[in-house]
Amino acid sequence: MRRWLALIALLIAWPAHAQILEPDLVLTGEITGADHQTYKPVTFDVPPGVTRLEIAFDYTGRENRTVVDLGLLDPDRFRGWSGGNKKTFFVSTEAATASYLPGPLPSGEWTLLLGVPNARPGSKATYEAKVWFQRAPASPPVTLAKATTPGWYRGDLHMHTAHSDGSCVTGDAPRAACPVYRTVLAAQAAGLDFIAVTDHNTTSQAEALAELQPSFPNLLLMTGREVTTFQGHANVFGPTAFIDFRLGSKSVPTIRDLQRAVTAAGGIFSINHPAAPSGEQCMGCGWTAKDTDFDAVQAIEVANGGNEKALGGFEGVLSGVPFWEAQLNAGRRITAIGGSDNHDAGIPHDKPSAVGRPATVIHAEGLSSEALFAGLRAGRVFIDLDGTGDRMLDLSATVGGRGAVMGGTLAARPGETIAFTAVIAGADPAGLEVIQDGARIVPRISPTGAFEVRMGAQDSWVRVNVRDRAGRLLMIGNPIYLTTAGARAP
């Protein structure tokens, strides 16, 4: 699956928005011999409301040994100096490319500072700086790496580092707060394509991830957060700006106020470990928030790494599957995901809660946050509970010339027979299990994973799991939704 991922290394040098948007500004000029060993300020105006600024810089004249270094100043302070080691960089309110300082982006006159350590007498060269402005919350999430090949991408959507309560042991040192790089190395070793580091109520890890990203071109490093309240925990993917988590306070009186803030910021709201106990045993861990707007919930973590250690494992008392399926039966379309909830990057991969165990596998148009979030919202997702690198699960269905894939919707008339096909790799196809509306059904299943379901009078949903020969659950699939609306009359 990864033979094309080397392409990312070529794309990482180009800024995120360069691949999807025209620059807001293009600054051009000339470097001559008279600029030798001088500093050349290039000023530009930043409008109000900008939360992220990206610059891509290039120049001619290298054949004549012209050299141009880069720095940046905002109207109030120095923001960094990368010299000649970066052609692209960004600064934002929460993070920045290594060499640069994060923080608020004041409006007014900024300066791209060009240092010219060498320009031969009589030489002439030109430069071009492309500038992109991002405004929250209207702008799309930031992409730190990108590949444009559609396919299945494996990742971990729930993990903690020194920026909250992650800890680990290094060599002979005592257990200590675990730096972000340890989590990234563990994800690389697990063969993951992406991770979201979701420290509690903070996105301070964003700067460390931005610094590490160029060194891990085959692994997309995304910043999330686990919004930790007294009434439940939820991951928010996408935005990095502050979201007030003080549920029950004057600023966030109800869960719906919190959900509206996430929606306004363009984020994905995912309920974590909903069946966990709450109280002194695990303060606020289970989902008890009253009046939750489940129409504003895009995902539910049905498999948490901690579940594997609990009574009954992933299907035991802490399983989030019944909570999720109750929402499906209420007519909602919410994507099931998994997450290791890793708090120690040193846990071996064959142990519960190791990085990438379980893995969430998303079919996306490419390896970018935008594409992954679109795949997650669309339900093109399955969960590999052991976090292997080769298991595969997909589901398709056809009726009357119409078709749908996992996460999609298929219209059928009552009484029509719908043909399903499950695609399985890395596991015995004989372990296929079919679930309809929360109950296991036993259709005749061919060796190729084909089976049929008759459409009832009401809307329905069908999904599949895969088990091993001993009956242990290996993979959890998301549904295909069946509806009578729009079905052609006989």
Protein backbone atom coordinates (compact mmCIF):
# COMPACT_ATOMS: atom_id res chain seq x y z
CA MET A 1 0.00 0.00 0.00
CA ARG A 2 2.91 2.31 0.71
CA ARG A 3 4.94 1.92 -2.47
CA TRP A 4 3.71 5.33 -3.63
CA LEU A 5 4.25 7.08 -0.30
CA ALA A 6 7.73 8.20 -1.27
CA LEU A 7 5.96 10.83 -3.34
CA ILE A 8 5.09 12.63 -0.13
CA ALA A 9 8.72 13.53 0.39
CA LEU A 10 8.55 15.60 -2.76
CA LEU A 11 5.32 17.27 -1.74
CA ILE A 12 6.21 18.12 1.83
CA ALA A 13 8.30 21.13 0.77
CA TRP A 14 5.28 22.86 -0.71
CA PRO A 15 2.89 24.64 1.64
CA ALA A 16 -0.50 23.13 2.36
CA HIS A 17 -2.65 25.73 0.65
CA ALA A 18 -0.38 25.85 -2.41
CA GLN A 19 -1.95 22.59 -3.48
CA ILE A 20 -5.53 23.78 -3.16
CA LEU A 21 -5.64 27.61 -3.30
CA GLU A 22 -4.08 30.44 -5.22
CA PRO A 23 -1.84 32.64 -3.04
CA ASP A 24 -3.31 35.76 -1.48
CA LEU A 25 -0.17 37.73 -2.34
CA VAL A 26 2.78 37.31 -4.68
CA LEU A 27 5.83 39.41 -3.81
CA THR A 28 8.52 39.79 -6.44
CA GLY A 29 11.76 41.70 -6.78
CA GLU A 30 15.39 41.69 -7.79
CA ILE A 31 18.67 40.84 -6.09
CA THR A 32 21.75 42.52 -7.56
CA GLY A 33 25.43 42.68 -6.78
CA ALA A 34 24.77 45.85 -4.80
CA ASP A 35 22.79 43.74 -2.28
CA HIS A 36 25.89 41.69 -1.34
CA GLN A 37 26.03 41.18 2.45
CA THR A 38 23.00 43.35 3.13
CA TYR A 39 19.51 42.77 4.50
CA LYS A 40 16.63 43.53 2.16
CA PRO A 41 13.19 44.07 3.77
CA VAL A 42 10.16 43.07 1.73
CA THR A 43 7.01 44.41 3.37
CA PHE A 44 3.42 43.26 2.98
CA ASP A 45 0.12 43.83 4.77
CA VAL A 46 -1.64 41.17 6.81
CA PRO A 47 -5.39 41.82 7.15
CA PRO A 48 -7.33 41.39 10.40
CA GLY A 49 -8.55 37.95 11.37
CA VAL A 50 -5.64 35.90 10.00
CA THR A 51 -4.73 32.90 12.18
CA ARG A 52 -2.11 31.29 9.95
CA LEU A 53 0.34 32.68 7.41
CA GLU A 54 2.30 30.55 4.92
CA ILE A 55 5.13 31.63 2.66
CA ALA A 56 6.77 29.79 -0.24
CA PHE A 57 9.96 31.47 -1.44
CA ASP A 58 12.29 30.88 -4.37
CA TYR A 59 14.87 32.80 -6.33
CA THR A 60 17.08 32.59 -9.40
CA GLY A 61 20.81 33.18 -9.79
CA ARG A 62 22.16 30.17 -7.95
CA GLU A 63 24.42 29.43 -10.91
CA ASN A 64 26.17 32.74 -10.11
CA ARG A 65 26.37 31.82 -6.40
CA THR A 66 23.62 34.23 -5.36
CA VAL A 67 22.43 33.19 -1.89
CA VAL A 68 19.30 34.46 -0.11
CA ASP A 69 18.38 33.74 3.53
CA LEU A 70 14.93 34.23 5.08
CA GLY A 71 13.49 35.77 8.23
CA LEU A 72 10.16 37.24 9.33
CA LEU A 73 9.00 40.14 11.49
CA ASP A 74 5.45 41.10 12.41
CA PRO A 75 4.50 44.71 13.27
CA ASP A 76 5.54 44.20 16.90
CA ARG A 77 8.28 41.58 17.11
CA PHE A 78 10.76 39.28 15.46
CA ARG A 79 9.09 35.99 14.41
CA GLY A 80 12.07 33.91 13.33
CA TRP A 81 15.01 33.26 11.05
CA SER A 82 15.47 30.12 8.95
CA GLY A 83 18.39 31.35 6.86
CA GLY A 84 18.78 29.24 3.75
CA ASN A 85 17.44 25.95 5.10
CA LYS A 86 13.75 26.36 4.25
CA LYS A 87 11.95 27.34 1.06
CA THR A 88 8.56 27.24 2.79
CA PHE A 89 7.36 27.97 6.31
CA PHE A 90 4.30 28.95 8.30
CA VAL A 91 3.44 30.76 11.51
CA SER A 92 0.10 30.46 13.28
CA THR A 93 -1.49 31.24 16.61
CA GLU A 94 -0.67 27.79 18.02
CA ALA A 95 2.29 26.46 16.01
CA ALA A 96 5.01 27.37 13.56
CA THR A 97 7.63 25.81 11.36
CA ALA A 98 10.87 25.17 13.26
CA SER A 99 12.91 28.44 13.29
CA TYR A 100 9.74 30.53 13.75
CA LEU A 101 7.62 31.59 16.72
CA PRO A 102 3.90 30.86 17.07
CA GLY A 103 1.50 33.39 18.51
CA PRO A 104 -1.19 35.89 17.51
CA LEU A 105 -0.88 37.32 14.01
CA PRO A 106 -1.46 41.08 14.34
CA SER A 107 -2.78 42.92 11.34
CA GLY A 108 -0.58 45.53 9.73
CA GLU A 109 2.78 45.68 8.01
CA TRP A 110 4.89 42.52 8.16
CA THR A 111 8.41 42.12 6.81
CA LEU A 112 9.88 39.20 4.96
CA LEU A 113 13.55 39.80 5.69
CA LEU A 114 15.95 38.74 2.93
CA GLY A 115 19.56 38.31 3.97
CA VAL A 116 22.01 38.24 1.07
CA PRO A 117 25.32 36.70 2.20
CA ASN A 118 26.55 36.56 -1.40
CA ALA A 119 25.79 38.30 -4.68
CA ARG A 120 28.59 38.72 -7.20
CA PRO A 121 29.37 42.17 -8.62
CA GLY A 122 27.22 42.90 -11.65
CA SER A 123 24.94 39.89 -11.05
CA LYS A 124 21.16 40.01 -11.21
CA ALA A 125 18.62 37.55 -9.81
CA THR A 126 14.90 37.60 -9.16
CA TYR A 127 12.87 36.34 -6.21
CA GLU A 128 9.24 35.38 -5.71
CA ALA A 129 7.40 34.94 -2.41
CA LYS A 130 3.89 33.47 -2.42
CA VAL A 131 1.82 34.26 0.67
CA TRP A 132 -1.32 32.51 1.90
CA PHE A 133 -3.61 33.76 4.69
CA GLN A 134 -5.83 31.39 6.66
CA ARG A 135 -8.76 32.71 8.64
CA ALA A 136 -10.63 30.68 11.26
CA PRO A 137 -13.10 29.16 11.22
CA ALA A 138 -13.94 29.46 7.54
CA SER A 139 -10.71 27.97 6.24
CA PRO A 140 -10.22 24.21 5.83
CA PRO A 141 -8.01 22.25 8.24
CA VAL A 142 -4.27 22.54 7.67
CA THR A 143 -2.48 19.78 5.78
CA LEU A 144 1.06 19.02 6.92
CA ALA A 145 1.77 16.31 4.34
CA LYS A 146 -0.08 15.13 1.28
CA ALA A 147 -0.28 12.32 -1.24
CA THR A 148 -2.93 12.32 -3.92
CA THR A 149 -3.38 8.57 -4.33
CA PRO A 150 -6.83 7.30 -3.26
CA GLY A 151 -6.68 4.31 -0.95
CA TRP A 152 -6.96 2.94 2.56
CA TYR A 153 -4.89 4.75 5.20
CA ARG A 154 -4.18 3.33 8.66
CA GLY A 155 -3.88 5.49 11.73
CA ASP A 156 -4.45 6.16 15.41
CA LEU A 157 -6.89 8.88 16.42
CA HIS A 158 -6.39 8.94 20.20
CA MET A 159 -3.04 9.36 21.97
CA HIS A 160 -1.38 11.44 24.68
CA THR A 161 2.09 12.90 25.22
CA ALA A 162 3.95 15.14 27.67
CA HIS A 163 1.55 17.90 26.66
CA SER A 164 -1.01 16.20 28.91
CA ASP A 165 -0.62 12.97 30.90
CA GLY A 166 1.56 10.82 28.64
CA SER A 167 4.60 9.32 30.35
CA CYS A 168 7.28 6.77 29.46
CA VAL A 169 10.66 5.39 30.45
CA THR A 170 13.80 6.12 28.43
CA GLY A 171 16.85 3.95 29.14
CA ASP A 172 17.75 3.94 32.82
CA ALA A 173 15.88 7.17 33.52
CA PRO A 174 12.79 7.08 35.75
CA ARG A 175 9.33 7.42 34.23
CA ALA A 176 8.80 10.97 33.02
CA ALA A 177 6.58 13.04 30.77
CA CYS A 178 6.87 11.47 27.32
CA PRO A 179 8.00 13.80 24.52
CA VAL A 180 6.03 13.95 21.29
CA TYR A 181 8.84 12.40 19.24
CA ARG A 182 8.50 9.11 21.13
CA THR A 183 4.87 8.81 20.05
CA VAL A 184 5.79 9.64 16.44
CA LEU A 185 8.57 7.03 16.42
CA ALA A 186 6.18 4.43 17.81
CA ALA A 187 3.64 5.27 15.10
CA GLN A 188 6.30 4.93 12.43
CA ALA A 189 7.37 1.56 13.85
CA ALA A 190 3.73 0.41 13.80
CA GLY A 191 3.54 1.18 10.07
CA LEU A 192 0.86 3.83 10.44
CA ASP A 193 0.05 6.40 7.76
CA PHE A 194 -1.37 9.05 10.10
CA ILE A 195 -1.87 9.94 13.74
CA ALA A 196 -3.82 12.55 15.66
CA VAL A 197 -2.18 13.53 18.94
CA THR A 198 -5.11 14.37 21.21
CA ASP A 199 -3.77 15.79 24.45
CA HIS A 200 -6.33 16.89 27.01
CA ASN A 201 -7.92 20.31 26.32
CA THR A 202 -4.80 21.64 24.60
CA THR A 203 -3.16 21.88 21.20
CA SER A 204 0.27 22.91 22.47
CA GLN A 205 1.61 19.72 20.84
CA ALA A 206 1.01 21.30 17.42
CA GLU A 207 4.37 23.05 17.40
CA ALA A 208 6.29 19.84 18.14
CA LEU A 209 4.36 18.02 15.42
CA ALA A 210 5.08 20.77 12.91
CA GLU A 211 8.79 20.55 13.73
CA LEU A 212 8.83 16.76 13.37
CA GLN A 213 6.72 16.49 10.21
CA PRO A 214 9.47 17.08 7.62
CA SER A 215 11.48 14.22 9.15
CA PHE A 216 8.56 11.81 8.79
CA PRO A 217 7.41 12.25 5.17
CA ASN A 218 5.51 8.93 5.17
CA LEU A 219 3.51 9.72 8.30
CA LEU A 220 0.91 12.49 8.52
CA LEU A 221 1.06 14.19 11.93
CA MET A 222 -2.20 15.86 12.90
CA THR A 223 -3.12 17.87 15.97
CA GLY A 224 -6.34 17.00 17.75
CA ARG A 225 -7.46 17.38 21.33
CA GLU A 226 -9.46 15.40 23.84
CA VAL A 227 -12.03 17.78 25.24
CA THR A 228 -12.20 16.52 28.81
CA THR A 229 -15.32 17.51 30.72
CA PHE A 230 -17.01 16.30 33.89
CA GLN A 231 -19.75 14.77 31.72
CA GLY A 232 -17.68 12.91 29.16
CA HIS A 233 -14.68 13.11 26.85
CA ALA A 234 -14.73 13.86 23.14
CA ASN A 235 -11.98 14.19 20.58
CA VAL A 236 -12.08 17.21 18.31
CA PHE A 237 -10.22 16.88 15.02
CA GLY A 238 -9.39 19.76 12.68
CA PRO A 239 -9.10 23.17 14.36
CA THR A 240 -6.25 24.10 16.69
CA ALA A 241 -7.69 27.35 18.10
CA PHE A 242 -8.95 27.31 21.70
CA ILE A 243 -12.34 25.68 22.28
CA ASP A 244 -13.75 26.32 25.75
CA PHE A 245 -14.10 22.96 27.51
CA ARG A 246 -15.60 24.25 30.80
CA LEU A 247 -18.90 22.44 30.42
CA GLY A 248 -21.35 23.50 33.12
CA SER A 249 -19.77 26.93 33.55
CA LYS A 250 -21.27 30.26 32.54
CA SER A 251 -19.19 30.26 29.37
CA VAL A 252 -20.27 26.73 28.33
CA PRO A 253 -23.54 26.01 30.13
CA THR A 254 -24.59 22.95 28.08
CA ILE A 255 -23.08 20.28 25.87
CA ARG A 256 -24.85 21.85 22.90
CA ASP A 257 -22.95 25.09 23.48
CA LEU A 258 -19.72 23.12 23.30
CA GLN A 259 -20.86 21.30 20.18
CA ARG A 260 -21.83 24.57 18.51
CA ALA A 261 -18.34 25.92 19.18
CA VAL A 262 -16.78 22.83 17.56
CA THR A 263 -19.08 23.15 14.55
CA ALA A 264 -18.28 26.86 14.19
CA ALA A 265 -14.56 26.02 14.20
CA GLY A 266 -15.04 23.42 11.45
CA GLY A 267 -14.14 20.50 13.69
CA ILE A 268 -15.16 16.85 13.88
CA PHE A 269 -16.78 15.89 17.19
CA SER A 270 -16.09 12.30 18.27
CA ILE A 271 -17.35 10.86 21.57
CA ASN A 272 -14.66 8.84 23.35
CA HIS A 273 -15.07 5.62 25.39
CA PRO A 274 -18.78 6.30 26.03
CA ALA A 275 -19.33 3.17 28.15
CA ALA A 276 -16.46 3.86 30.55
CA PRO A 277 -17.43 4.30 34.20
CA SER A 278 -17.81 7.80 35.58
CA GLY A 279 -17.18 8.95 39.12
CA GLU A 280 -14.19 8.54 41.37
CA GLN A 281 -13.13 5.41 39.50
CA CYS A 282 -12.76 7.36 36.26
CA MET A 283 -13.79 10.98 36.63
CA GLY A 284 -15.95 12.12 33.73
CA CYS A 285 -14.80 9.23 31.51
CA GLY A 286 -18.20 7.84 30.50
CA TRP A 287 -20.61 9.85 28.38
CA THR A 288 -23.27 11.30 30.70
CA ALA A 289 -23.84 14.70 29.04
CA LYS A 290 -27.56 15.35 28.95
CA ASP A 291 -29.25 16.83 25.89
CA THR A 292 -26.38 15.84 23.58
CA ASP A 293 -27.11 16.82 20.00
CA PHE A 294 -26.24 13.53 18.34
CA ASP A 295 -26.88 15.09 14.95
CA ALA A 296 -23.73 17.14 15.63
CA VAL A 297 -21.68 14.03 16.47
CA GLN A 298 -19.65 12.77 13.51
CA ALA A 299 -17.93 9.79 15.18
CA ILE A 300 -18.02 7.54 18.22
CA GLU A 301 -14.99 5.70 19.55
CA VAL A 302 -16.42 2.18 19.83
CA ALA A 303 -13.04 0.52 20.45
CA ASN A 304 -10.62 2.12 22.90
CA GLY A 305 -7.24 0.57 23.68
CA GLY A 306 -8.20 0.29 27.32
CA ASN A 307 -11.18 -1.90 26.40
CA GLU A 308 -8.84 -4.75 25.49
CA LYS A 309 -7.68 -5.04 29.11
CA ALA A 310 -11.20 -4.93 30.56
CA LEU A 311 -13.53 -7.82 31.30
CA GLY A 312 -14.65 -9.23 27.96
CA GLY A 313 -12.06 -7.29 25.97
CA PHE A 314 -13.30 -5.21 23.04
CA GLU A 315 -16.76 -6.79 23.41
CA GLY A 316 -16.94 -6.46 27.17
CA VAL A 317 -18.54 -4.01 29.54
CA LEU A 318 -16.56 -1.06 28.17
CA SER A 319 -17.40 -1.63 24.50
CA GLY A 320 -18.81 1.45 22.79
CA VAL A 321 -20.59 -0.61 20.11
CA PRO A 322 -24.02 -0.79 21.86
CA PHE A 323 -23.91 3.00 22.48
CA TRP A 324 -23.10 3.58 18.81
CA GLU A 325 -25.63 1.14 17.43
CA ALA A 326 -28.38 2.71 19.53
CA GLN A 327 -27.74 5.96 17.66
CA LEU A 328 -27.79 4.13 14.32
CA ASN A 329 -31.13 2.60 15.25
CA ALA A 330 -32.40 6.10 16.05
CA GLY A 331 -31.76 7.01 12.42
CA ARG A 332 -28.45 8.77 12.79
CA ARG A 333 -25.39 8.16 10.64
CA ILE A 334 -22.36 8.32 12.89
CA THR A 335 -19.02 6.74 12.01
CA ALA A 336 -17.47 4.16 14.34
CA ILE A 337 -13.76 4.65 14.96
CA GLY A 338 -11.09 3.26 17.27
CA GLY A 339 -8.15 4.70 19.16
CA SER A 340 -5.36 3.38 21.32
CA ASP A 341 -5.76 6.07 24.01
CA ASN A 342 -2.03 5.55 24.40
CA HIS A 343 -0.39 7.22 27.40
CA ASP A 344 2.98 5.47 27.12
CA ALA A 345 4.72 5.43 23.75
CA GLY A 346 7.00 2.63 24.98
CA ILE A 347 4.25 -0.02 25.19
CA PRO A 348 5.13 -2.88 22.79
CA HIS A 349 2.81 -3.12 19.82
CA ASP A 350 1.48 -6.54 20.82
CA LYS A 351 0.16 -5.14 24.11
CA PRO A 352 -3.16 -3.33 24.74
CA SER A 353 -3.16 0.44 24.23
CA ALA A 354 0.07 0.42 22.22
CA VAL A 355 0.28 3.16 19.61
CA GLY A 356 -1.81 2.00 16.64
CA ARG A 357 -3.70 -0.69 18.58
CA PRO A 358 -6.50 -0.52 17.56
CA ALA A 359 -6.06 1.23 14.22
CA THR A 360 -8.69 3.24 12.40
CA VAL A 361 -8.48 2.61 8.67
CA ILE A 362 -9.98 5.30 6.41
CA HIS A 363 -10.52 5.26 2.67
CA ALA A 364 -9.52 8.72 1.47
CA GLU A 365 -8.63 10.50 -1.73
CA GLY A 366 -5.13 11.12 -0.42
CA LEU A 367 -3.01 11.39 2.70
CA SER A 368 -4.11 14.78 3.96
CA SER A 369 -6.17 15.94 6.89
CA GLU A 370 -8.85 17.22 4.52
CA ALA A 371 -9.12 13.90 2.70
CA LEU A 372 -9.03 11.81 5.87
CA PHE A 373 -11.71 13.90 7.55
CA ALA A 374 -13.89 13.64 4.45
CA GLY A 375 -13.50 9.85 4.49
CA LEU A 376 -14.31 9.75 8.19
CA ARG A 377 -17.44 11.85 7.74
CA ALA A 378 -18.48 9.60 4.83
CA GLY A 379 -18.16 6.45 6.94
CA ARG A 380 -15.53 4.84 4.70
CA VAL A 381 -13.90 3.41 7.79
CA PHE A 382 -13.19 0.10 9.48
CA ILE A 383 -11.37 -0.71 12.72
CA ASP A 384 -8.47 -3.16 12.90
CA LEU A 385 -8.48 -4.11 16.57
CA ASP A 386 -4.97 -5.61 16.58
CA GLY A 387 -3.53 -2.74 14.55
CA THR A 388 -1.98 -5.00 11.93
CA GLY A 389 -0.54 -3.62 8.74
CA ASP A 390 -2.35 -5.88 6.29
CA ARG A 391 -5.94 -6.50 7.34
CA MET A 392 -8.64 -5.19 5.06
CA LEU A 393 -12.42 -4.96 5.26
CA ASP A 394 -14.87 -3.37 2.84
CA LEU A 395 -18.53 -3.81 2.04
CA SER A 396 -20.54 -3.04 -1.09
CA ALA A 397 -24.17 -3.58 -2.06
CA THR A 398 -26.26 -3.46 -5.23
CA VAL A 399 -29.92 -3.59 -6.08
CA GLY A 400 -31.77 -2.67 -9.26
CA GLY A 401 -28.63 -1.34 -10.93
CA ARG A 402 -27.86 0.94 -7.99
CA GLY A 403 -24.89 0.50 -5.69
CA ALA A 404 -23.28 1.73 -2.48
CA VAL A 405 -20.13 1.09 -0.47
CA MET A 406 -19.49 1.12 3.27
CA GLY A 407 -20.73 4.41 4.69
CA GLY A 408 -23.07 5.00 1.75
CA THR A 409 -26.82 4.85 1.25
CA LEU A 410 -28.76 2.50 -1.00
CA ALA A 411 -32.44 2.91 -1.88
CA ALA A 412 -34.50 -0.27 -2.22
CA ARG A 413 -38.17 -1.18 -2.35
CA PRO A 414 -39.67 -3.33 0.43
CA GLY A 415 -39.20 -6.97 -0.51
CA GLU A 416 -36.30 -6.38 -2.89
CA THR A 417 -33.24 -8.57 -2.48
CA ILE A 418 -30.03 -6.63 -1.94
CA ALA A 419 -26.75 -8.27 -2.95
CA PHE A 420 -23.84 -7.58 -0.59
CA THR A 421 -20.16 -8.38 -1.04
CA ALA A 422 -17.60 -8.19 1.74
CA VAL A 423 -13.92 -7.91 0.81
CA ILE A 424 -11.58 -9.32 3.44
CA ALA A 425 -7.79 -9.54 3.55
CA GLY A 426 -5.41 -10.61 6.27
CA ALA A 427 -8.06 -12.77 7.97
CA ASP A 428 -10.09 -15.88 7.24
CA PRO A 429 -13.19 -14.92 5.20
CA ALA A 430 -15.03 -17.68 7.08
CA GLY A 431 -15.01 -15.34 10.07
CA LEU A 432 -17.41 -12.89 8.41
CA GLU A 433 -20.29 -11.82 10.66
CA VAL A 434 -23.30 -9.85 9.41
CA ILE A 435 -25.11 -7.33 11.64
CA GLN A 436 -28.44 -5.75 10.71
CA ASP A 437 -29.98 -3.05 12.90
CA GLY A 438 -27.82 -4.15 15.83
CA ALA A 439 -28.63 -7.87 15.68
CA ARG A 440 -26.59 -10.66 14.16
CA ILE A 441 -28.20 -12.33 11.17
CA VAL A 442 -27.08 -15.53 9.48
CA PRO A 443 -27.50 -15.24 5.71
CA ARG A 444 -25.91 -17.77 3.37
CA ILE A 445 -22.40 -16.43 2.73
CA SER A 446 -20.39 -17.57 -0.28
CA PRO A 447 -16.64 -18.22 -0.09
CA THR A 448 -16.16 -14.89 -1.88
CA GLY A 449 -18.00 -12.96 0.83
CA ALA A 450 -21.29 -12.53 -1.06
CA PHE A 451 -24.63 -12.65 0.75
CA GLU A 452 -28.16 -11.33 0.35
CA VAL A 453 -30.52 -9.34 2.56
CA ARG A 454 -34.19 -8.72 1.84
CA MET A 455 -35.35 -5.12 2.24
CA GLY A 456 -38.01 -4.63 4.88
CA ALA A 457 -40.72 -2.02 5.13
CA GLN A 458 -38.56 0.39 7.14
CA ASP A 459 -35.16 1.97 6.72
CA SER A 460 -32.37 -0.27 7.90
CA TRP A 461 -28.60 -0.66 8.06
CA VAL A 462 -26.23 -3.55 7.51
CA ARG A 463 -22.58 -3.87 8.50
CA VAL A 464 -20.05 -6.66 8.97
CA ASN A 465 -17.44 -7.79 11.48
CA VAL A 466 -14.64 -10.32 11.07
CA ARG A 467 -13.62 -12.88 13.71
CA ASP A 468 -10.84 -15.45 13.95
CA ARG A 469 -11.42 -19.21 14.26
CA ALA A 470 -11.73 -18.90 18.04
CA GLY A 471 -14.43 -16.26 17.70
CA ARG A 472 -12.24 -13.33 18.74
CA LEU A 473 -13.27 -10.07 17.11
CA LEU A 474 -10.64 -8.80 14.65
CA MET A 475 -12.32 -6.04 12.61
CA ILE A 476 -15.38 -3.83 12.97
CA GLY A 477 -17.02 -2.39 9.86
CA ASN A 478 -19.27 0.63 9.38
CA PRO A 479 -22.74 0.25 7.83
CA ILE A 480 -24.34 0.62 4.47
CA TYR A 481 -27.62 2.45 5.08
CA LEU A 482 -30.74 1.08 3.39
CA THR A 483 -33.65 3.38 2.72
CA THR A 484 -36.98 3.15 0.98
CA ALA A 485 -36.83 6.84 0.11
CA GLY A 486 -36.04 7.34 -3.56
CA ALA A 487 -36.50 3.70 -4.48
CA ARG A 488 -38.13 3.30 -7.85
CA ALA A 489 -41.71 2.09 -7.94
CA PRO A 490 -42.26 -1.43 -9.33
